[in-house]
Amino acid sequence: MTEIKSFTSTNKTLYNKALDIRQQVFIDELNVDPTLEIENEEFCRFYLIFVDDKPVGTARWRETEKGIKLERFALLPEFRNQGTGSILLKQILEDVIPSNKKIYLHSQLNAVRYYERQGFVKSGDIFTEAFIQHYLMVFQK
């Protein structure tokens, strides 16, 4: 059974579960500096996706001067390429599309094709963020 919970950083129980996943994926697996990984937390709406009551993925969004930025998509390795991330992304899009604001994200190179299949389009040139190459991608409604 799959369940998604949405919350803010004031819900410490869920927030800490999200941080645990981000720690495993971004800091441990991708070697992202923790000071770059943990930022802007108080301005975000967070999501956790559970499979059989186990938190297996997380993401967040926040409003910026450019629109709605989707960030920090992280799935535990054993739950990747099974559709779990797509379920999470679709829920977030359902929540933010009604804002009628630009929806965008910074995609790591290995995820560009995935986001293209989900309705995002590359914009601009490759850039480096947290020592990882990315493309700016914008959702086409």
N, C-alpha and C. Protein backbone atom coordinates (compact mmCIF):
# COMPACT_ATOMS: atom_id res chain seq x y z
N MET A 1 0.84 -1.19 0.00
CA MET A 1 0.00 0.00 0.00
C MET A 1 0.88 1.24 0.00
N THR A 2 0.53 2.22 -0.84
CA THR A 2 1.28 3.47 -0.95
C THR A 2 0.47 4.60 -0.35
N GLU A 3 1.15 5.44 0.42
CA GLU A 3 0.50 6.60 1.04
C GLU A 3 1.46 7.78 0.97
N ILE A 4 0.93 8.97 0.74
CA ILE A 4 1.73 10.19 0.71
C ILE A 4 1.24 11.12 1.80
N LYS A 5 2.19 11.67 2.55
CA LYS A 5 1.87 12.66 3.58
C LYS A 5 2.57 13.96 3.24
N SER A 6 1.84 15.08 3.40
CA SER A 6 2.37 16.41 3.15
C SER A 6 2.43 17.15 4.48
N PHE A 7 3.49 17.94 4.68
CA PHE A 7 3.69 18.57 5.98
C PHE A 7 4.69 19.71 5.85
N THR A 8 4.88 20.45 6.94
CA THR A 8 5.92 21.48 7.01
C THR A 8 6.99 21.01 7.99
N SER A 9 8.05 21.78 8.09
CA SER A 9 9.16 21.39 8.96
C SER A 9 8.79 21.46 10.44
N THR A 10 7.63 22.02 10.77
CA THR A 10 7.20 22.05 12.18
C THR A 10 6.73 20.67 12.65
N ASN A 11 6.38 19.78 11.72
CA ASN A 11 6.03 18.41 12.08
C ASN A 11 7.34 17.63 12.18
N LYS A 12 7.92 17.65 13.36
CA LYS A 12 9.27 17.10 13.53
C LYS A 12 9.36 15.61 13.25
N THR A 13 8.32 14.85 13.55
CA THR A 13 8.36 13.41 13.31
C THR A 13 8.51 13.12 11.82
N LEU A 14 7.63 13.70 11.00
CA LEU A 14 7.70 13.47 9.55
C LEU A 14 8.93 14.14 8.94
N TYR A 15 9.23 15.34 9.40
CA TYR A 15 10.39 16.06 8.89
C TYR A 15 11.68 15.26 9.11
N ASN A 16 11.83 14.68 10.27
CA ASN A 16 13.04 13.89 10.55
C ASN A 16 13.11 12.63 9.69
N LYS A 17 11.96 12.04 9.36
CA LYS A 17 11.95 10.88 8.45
C LYS A 17 12.42 11.32 7.06
N ALA A 18 11.96 12.49 6.62
CA ALA A 18 12.39 13.03 5.32
C ALA A 18 13.90 13.31 5.34
N LEU A 19 14.37 13.90 6.43
CA LEU A 19 15.81 14.19 6.54
C LEU A 19 16.64 12.90 6.52
N ASP A 20 16.14 11.85 7.12
CA ASP A 20 16.85 10.56 7.11
C ASP A 20 17.05 10.07 5.67
N ILE A 21 16.00 10.17 4.86
CA ILE A 21 16.09 9.73 3.46
C ILE A 21 17.06 10.64 2.70
N ARG A 22 16.95 11.94 2.90
CA ARG A 22 17.84 12.87 2.22
C ARG A 22 19.29 12.64 2.64
N GLN A 23 19.51 12.34 3.89
CA GLN A 23 20.86 12.02 4.38
C GLN A 23 21.43 10.83 3.60
N GLN A 24 20.63 9.77 3.49
CA GLN A 24 21.10 8.57 2.80
C GLN A 24 21.38 8.83 1.32
N VAL A 25 20.48 9.57 0.66
CA VAL A 25 20.60 9.76 -0.79
C VAL A 25 21.58 10.87 -1.15
N PHE A 26 21.39 12.06 -0.60
CA PHE A 26 22.21 13.19 -1.03
C PHE A 26 23.57 13.25 -0.35
N ILE A 27 23.59 13.06 0.95
CA ILE A 27 24.84 13.23 1.69
C ILE A 27 25.70 11.98 1.61
N ASP A 28 25.12 10.82 1.91
CA ASP A 28 25.90 9.58 1.91
C ASP A 28 26.19 9.07 0.50
N GLU A 29 25.16 8.99 -0.35
CA GLU A 29 25.31 8.40 -1.68
C GLU A 29 25.96 9.36 -2.67
N LEU A 30 25.52 10.63 -2.68
CA LEU A 30 25.99 11.59 -3.69
C LEU A 30 27.07 12.54 -3.16
N ASN A 31 27.40 12.41 -1.88
CA ASN A 31 28.45 13.24 -1.27
C ASN A 31 28.17 14.74 -1.32
N VAL A 32 26.90 15.12 -1.20
CA VAL A 32 26.54 16.53 -1.15
C VAL A 32 26.88 17.06 0.24
N ASP A 33 27.46 18.24 0.28
CA ASP A 33 27.80 18.90 1.54
C ASP A 33 26.51 19.15 2.33
N PRO A 34 26.44 18.73 3.59
CA PRO A 34 25.21 18.93 4.38
C PRO A 34 24.77 20.39 4.46
N THR A 35 25.71 21.33 4.40
CA THR A 35 25.31 22.75 4.45
C THR A 35 24.62 23.18 3.17
N LEU A 36 24.85 22.49 2.07
CA LEU A 36 24.14 22.77 0.82
C LEU A 36 22.82 22.03 0.76
N GLU A 37 22.77 20.89 1.40
CA GLU A 37 21.57 20.04 1.36
C GLU A 37 20.46 20.57 2.27
N ILE A 38 20.81 21.02 3.46
CA ILE A 38 19.81 21.45 4.43
C ILE A 38 19.75 22.98 4.40
N GLU A 39 18.82 23.50 3.60
CA GLU A 39 18.65 24.95 3.48
C GLU A 39 17.22 25.28 3.11
N ASN A 40 16.78 26.46 3.47
CA ASN A 40 15.44 26.97 3.15
C ASN A 40 14.32 26.09 3.69
N GLU A 41 14.59 25.31 4.69
CA GLU A 41 13.62 24.34 5.20
C GLU A 41 12.32 25.01 5.68
N GLU A 42 12.43 26.16 6.29
CA GLU A 42 11.25 26.81 6.87
C GLU A 42 10.29 27.36 5.81
N PHE A 43 10.72 27.40 4.55
CA PHE A 43 9.89 27.94 3.47
C PHE A 43 9.24 26.86 2.61
N CYS A 44 9.40 25.60 2.99
CA CYS A 44 9.02 24.49 2.11
C CYS A 44 7.79 23.74 2.58
N ARG A 45 7.16 23.11 1.59
CA ARG A 45 6.12 22.11 1.82
C ARG A 45 6.79 20.78 1.50
N PHE A 46 6.78 19.86 2.44
CA PHE A 46 7.46 18.57 2.30
C PHE A 46 6.46 17.45 2.03
N TYR A 47 7.00 16.38 1.44
CA TYR A 47 6.21 15.18 1.17
C TYR A 47 7.03 13.96 1.53
N LEU A 48 6.34 12.96 2.05
CA LEU A 48 6.93 11.64 2.27
C LEU A 48 6.02 10.63 1.60
N ILE A 49 6.61 9.69 0.89
CA ILE A 49 5.83 8.59 0.33
C ILE A 49 6.19 7.34 1.11
N PHE A 50 5.15 6.64 1.53
CA PHE A 50 5.30 5.42 2.32
C PHE A 50 4.86 4.23 1.47
N VAL A 51 5.60 3.14 1.57
CA VAL A 51 5.20 1.87 0.98
C VAL A 51 5.11 0.89 2.13
N ASP A 52 3.93 0.34 2.32
CA ASP A 52 3.68 -0.58 3.45
C ASP A 52 4.15 0.03 4.77
N ASP A 53 3.76 1.29 4.98
CA ASP A 53 4.05 2.04 6.21
C ASP A 53 5.52 2.39 6.41
N LYS A 54 6.36 2.15 5.41
CA LYS A 54 7.78 2.51 5.51
C LYS A 54 8.03 3.75 4.65
N PRO A 55 8.64 4.82 5.23
CA PRO A 55 8.98 5.99 4.42
C PRO A 55 10.11 5.64 3.45
N VAL A 56 9.85 5.80 2.14
CA VAL A 56 10.83 5.36 1.14
C VAL A 56 11.27 6.49 0.21
N GLY A 57 10.58 7.63 0.26
CA GLY A 57 10.93 8.73 -0.62
C GLY A 57 10.43 10.05 -0.08
N THR A 58 11.06 11.11 -0.54
CA THR A 58 10.68 12.44 -0.08
C THR A 58 10.93 13.46 -1.18
N ALA A 59 10.29 14.59 -1.04
CA ALA A 59 10.51 15.74 -1.93
C ALA A 59 9.93 16.96 -1.23
N ARG A 60 10.17 18.12 -1.83
CA ARG A 60 9.62 19.34 -1.27
C ARG A 60 9.42 20.35 -2.40
N TRP A 61 8.66 21.39 -2.10
CA TRP A 61 8.56 22.53 -3.02
C TRP A 61 8.54 23.80 -2.19
N ARG A 62 8.94 24.88 -2.86
CA ARG A 62 8.88 26.19 -2.22
C ARG A 62 8.64 27.23 -3.28
N GLU A 63 8.08 28.32 -2.85
CA GLU A 63 7.84 29.43 -3.76
C GLU A 63 9.08 30.31 -3.79
N THR A 64 9.52 30.66 -4.99
CA THR A 64 10.65 31.56 -5.18
C THR A 64 10.17 32.74 -6.02
N GLU A 65 11.06 33.68 -6.29
CA GLU A 65 10.69 34.81 -7.14
C GLU A 65 10.43 34.37 -8.57
N LYS A 66 10.86 33.16 -8.95
CA LYS A 66 10.67 32.64 -10.30
C LYS A 66 9.44 31.76 -10.44
N GLY A 67 8.83 31.36 -9.32
CA GLY A 67 7.68 30.47 -9.37
C GLY A 67 7.74 29.43 -8.27
N ILE A 68 7.27 28.23 -8.59
CA ILE A 68 7.27 27.11 -7.65
C ILE A 68 8.43 26.19 -8.02
N LYS A 69 9.37 26.04 -7.09
CA LYS A 69 10.54 25.19 -7.35
C LYS A 69 10.38 23.86 -6.62
N LEU A 70 10.41 22.78 -7.40
CA LEU A 70 10.36 21.43 -6.84
C LEU A 70 11.78 21.00 -6.54
N GLU A 71 11.98 20.41 -5.35
CA GLU A 71 13.34 20.13 -4.91
C GLU A 71 13.44 18.84 -4.11
N ARG A 72 14.66 18.41 -3.93
CA ARG A 72 15.05 17.36 -3.00
C ARG A 72 14.29 16.04 -3.19
N PHE A 73 14.08 15.67 -4.46
CA PHE A 73 13.47 14.37 -4.73
C PHE A 73 14.49 13.30 -4.40
N ALA A 74 14.13 12.41 -3.50
CA ALA A 74 15.04 11.35 -3.08
C ALA A 74 14.25 10.09 -2.78
N LEU A 75 14.66 9.01 -3.39
CA LEU A 75 14.08 7.69 -3.14
C LEU A 75 15.16 6.75 -2.66
N LEU A 76 14.83 5.93 -1.69
CA LEU A 76 15.78 4.90 -1.27
C LEU A 76 16.08 4.01 -2.47
N PRO A 77 17.32 3.56 -2.61
CA PRO A 77 17.73 2.82 -3.81
C PRO A 77 16.82 1.65 -4.18
N GLU A 78 16.37 0.91 -3.20
CA GLU A 78 15.57 -0.29 -3.51
C GLU A 78 14.16 0.03 -4.00
N PHE A 79 13.78 1.33 -4.00
CA PHE A 79 12.45 1.72 -4.47
C PHE A 79 12.50 2.54 -5.75
N ARG A 80 13.66 2.63 -6.35
CA ARG A 80 13.80 3.38 -7.60
C ARG A 80 13.35 2.53 -8.79
N ASN A 81 12.93 3.21 -9.84
CA ASN A 81 12.52 2.56 -11.10
C ASN A 81 11.35 1.60 -10.92
N GLN A 82 10.46 1.92 -9.97
CA GLN A 82 9.27 1.11 -9.74
C GLN A 82 7.98 1.93 -9.81
N GLY A 83 8.10 3.21 -10.20
CA GLY A 83 6.93 4.07 -10.29
C GLY A 83 6.63 4.85 -9.02
N THR A 84 7.37 4.59 -7.96
CA THR A 84 7.13 5.28 -6.69
C THR A 84 7.39 6.77 -6.81
N GLY A 85 8.48 7.13 -7.46
CA GLY A 85 8.80 8.55 -7.65
C GLY A 85 7.76 9.26 -8.48
N SER A 86 7.22 8.58 -9.48
CA SER A 86 6.18 9.19 -10.32
C SER A 86 4.91 9.45 -9.54
N ILE A 87 4.56 8.55 -8.64
CA ILE A 87 3.38 8.76 -7.79
C ILE A 87 3.59 10.01 -6.94
N LEU A 88 4.77 10.15 -6.38
CA LEU A 88 5.09 11.31 -5.54
C LEU A 88 5.07 12.60 -6.37
N LEU A 89 5.70 12.60 -7.53
CA LEU A 89 5.73 13.78 -8.38
C LEU A 89 4.32 14.19 -8.82
N LYS A 90 3.50 13.23 -9.20
CA LYS A 90 2.13 13.54 -9.64
C LYS A 90 1.33 14.20 -8.52
N GLN A 91 1.51 13.74 -7.29
CA GLN A 91 0.80 14.35 -6.15
C GLN A 91 1.25 15.80 -5.95
N ILE A 92 2.55 16.02 -6.02
CA ILE A 92 3.06 17.38 -5.84
C ILE A 92 2.53 18.28 -6.95
N LEU A 93 2.57 17.81 -8.19
CA LEU A 93 2.05 18.62 -9.29
C LEU A 93 0.58 18.94 -9.10
N GLU A 94 -0.21 17.96 -8.66
CA GLU A 94 -1.63 18.23 -8.38
C GLU A 94 -1.79 19.35 -7.37
N ASP A 95 -0.90 19.40 -6.39
CA ASP A 95 -0.99 20.41 -5.35
C ASP A 95 -0.54 21.80 -5.82
N VAL A 96 0.43 21.87 -6.71
CA VAL A 96 0.98 23.18 -7.09
C VAL A 96 0.43 23.75 -8.39
N ILE A 97 -0.07 22.93 -9.29
CA ILE A 97 -0.60 23.44 -10.56
C ILE A 97 -1.68 24.50 -10.35
N PRO A 98 -2.58 24.34 -9.39
CA PRO A 98 -3.62 25.38 -9.22
C PRO A 98 -3.08 26.77 -8.91
N SER A 99 -1.82 26.89 -8.52
CA SER A 99 -1.25 28.21 -8.23
C SER A 99 -1.09 29.05 -9.51
N ASN A 100 -1.13 28.39 -10.66
CA ASN A 100 -0.93 29.06 -11.95
C ASN A 100 0.40 29.79 -12.03
N LYS A 101 1.40 29.29 -11.32
CA LYS A 101 2.74 29.86 -11.37
C LYS A 101 3.65 28.91 -12.14
N LYS A 102 4.75 29.45 -12.62
CA LYS A 102 5.76 28.63 -13.29
C LYS A 102 6.22 27.55 -12.30
N ILE A 103 6.31 26.32 -12.78
CA ILE A 103 6.78 25.19 -11.97
C ILE A 103 8.09 24.71 -12.60
N TYR A 104 9.13 24.66 -11.79
CA TYR A 104 10.43 24.30 -12.33
C TYR A 104 11.24 23.50 -11.32
N LEU A 105 12.32 22.92 -11.81
CA LEU A 105 13.24 22.17 -10.95
C LEU A 105 14.61 22.15 -11.59
N HIS A 106 15.59 21.74 -10.81
CA HIS A 106 16.95 21.53 -11.30
C HIS A 106 17.16 20.02 -11.33
N SER A 107 17.27 19.47 -12.52
CA SER A 107 17.40 18.02 -12.69
C SER A 107 18.85 17.61 -12.86
N GLN A 108 19.25 16.61 -12.08
CA GLN A 108 20.55 15.99 -12.34
C GLN A 108 20.49 15.35 -13.72
N LEU A 109 21.63 15.27 -14.38
CA LEU A 109 21.67 14.78 -15.77
C LEU A 109 21.02 13.41 -15.91
N ASN A 110 21.25 12.52 -14.96
CA ASN A 110 20.70 11.17 -15.08
C ASN A 110 19.19 11.11 -14.93
N ALA A 111 18.55 12.22 -14.53
CA ALA A 111 17.10 12.23 -14.36
C ALA A 111 16.38 13.05 -15.42
N VAL A 112 17.10 13.66 -16.35
CA VAL A 112 16.48 14.53 -17.35
C VAL A 112 15.42 13.79 -18.16
N ARG A 113 15.72 12.62 -18.66
CA ARG A 113 14.74 11.89 -19.48
C ARG A 113 13.50 11.54 -18.67
N TYR A 114 13.68 11.20 -17.40
CA TYR A 114 12.53 10.93 -16.53
C TYR A 114 11.63 12.16 -16.44
N TYR A 115 12.20 13.31 -16.15
CA TYR A 115 11.38 14.52 -16.03
C TYR A 115 10.75 14.93 -17.36
N GLU A 116 11.45 14.67 -18.45
CA GLU A 116 10.85 14.95 -19.76
C GLU A 116 9.58 14.11 -19.95
N ARG A 117 9.63 12.86 -19.55
CA ARG A 117 8.43 12.00 -19.66
C ARG A 117 7.30 12.49 -18.77
N GLN A 118 7.63 13.27 -17.74
CA GLN A 118 6.62 13.76 -16.80
C GLN A 118 6.10 15.15 -17.19
N GLY A 119 6.55 15.69 -18.33
CA GLY A 119 6.04 16.97 -18.81
C GLY A 119 6.95 18.16 -18.61
N PHE A 120 8.19 17.93 -18.21
CA PHE A 120 9.16 19.01 -18.04
C PHE A 120 10.00 19.15 -19.30
N VAL A 121 10.47 20.38 -19.56
CA VAL A 121 11.30 20.67 -20.73
C VAL A 121 12.58 21.36 -20.25
N LYS A 122 13.72 20.94 -20.83
CA LYS A 122 14.99 21.57 -20.50
C LYS A 122 14.98 23.03 -20.93
N SER A 123 15.63 23.86 -20.12
CA SER A 123 15.74 25.28 -20.42
C SER A 123 17.16 25.72 -20.11
N GLY A 124 17.87 26.20 -21.11
CA GLY A 124 19.22 26.68 -20.88
C GLY A 124 20.27 25.60 -20.94
N ASP A 125 21.44 25.96 -20.45
CA ASP A 125 22.62 25.10 -20.53
C ASP A 125 22.82 24.33 -19.24
N ILE A 126 23.67 23.33 -19.31
CA ILE A 126 24.07 22.57 -18.12
C ILE A 126 24.74 23.52 -17.14
N PHE A 127 24.46 23.32 -15.86
CA PHE A 127 25.13 24.08 -14.81
C PHE A 127 25.46 23.12 -13.67
N THR A 128 26.33 23.56 -12.79
CA THR A 128 26.76 22.74 -11.67
C THR A 128 26.18 23.30 -10.38
N GLU A 129 25.59 22.41 -9.61
CA GLU A 129 25.02 22.75 -8.31
C GLU A 129 25.43 21.64 -7.35
N ALA A 130 26.01 21.99 -6.23
CA ALA A 130 26.50 21.01 -5.26
C ALA A 130 27.44 20.00 -5.92
N PHE A 131 28.26 20.50 -6.87
CA PHE A 131 29.25 19.69 -7.58
C PHE A 131 28.63 18.60 -8.45
N ILE A 132 27.34 18.76 -8.79
CA ILE A 132 26.62 17.82 -9.65
C ILE A 132 26.05 18.60 -10.83
N GLN A 133 26.18 18.06 -12.04
CA GLN A 133 25.65 18.75 -13.22
C GLN A 133 24.13 18.62 -13.29
N HIS A 134 23.48 19.73 -13.67
CA HIS A 134 22.03 19.83 -13.73
C HIS A 134 21.58 20.59 -14.98
N TYR A 135 20.30 20.43 -15.27
CA TYR A 135 19.59 21.29 -16.22
C TYR A 135 18.42 21.92 -15.48
N LEU A 136 18.13 23.16 -15.81
CA LEU A 136 16.88 23.78 -15.40
C LEU A 136 15.79 23.15 -16.26
N MET A 137 14.71 22.71 -15.64
CA MET A 137 13.59 22.12 -16.37
C MET A 137 12.30 22.79 -15.91
N VAL A 138 11.44 23.10 -16.88
CA VAL A 138 10.20 23.81 -16.62
C VAL A 138 9.03 22.92 -17.01
N PHE A 139 8.03 22.87 -16.14
CA PHE A 139 6.85 22.05 -16.40
C PHE A 139 5.97 22.74 -17.43
N GLN A 140 5.55 21.98 -18.43
CA GLN A 140 4.66 22.49 -19.48
C GLN A 140 3.26 21.96 -19.21
N LYS A 141 2.37 22.84 -18.80
CA LYS A 141 1.01 22.44 -18.43
C LYS A 141 0.21 22.00 -19.63
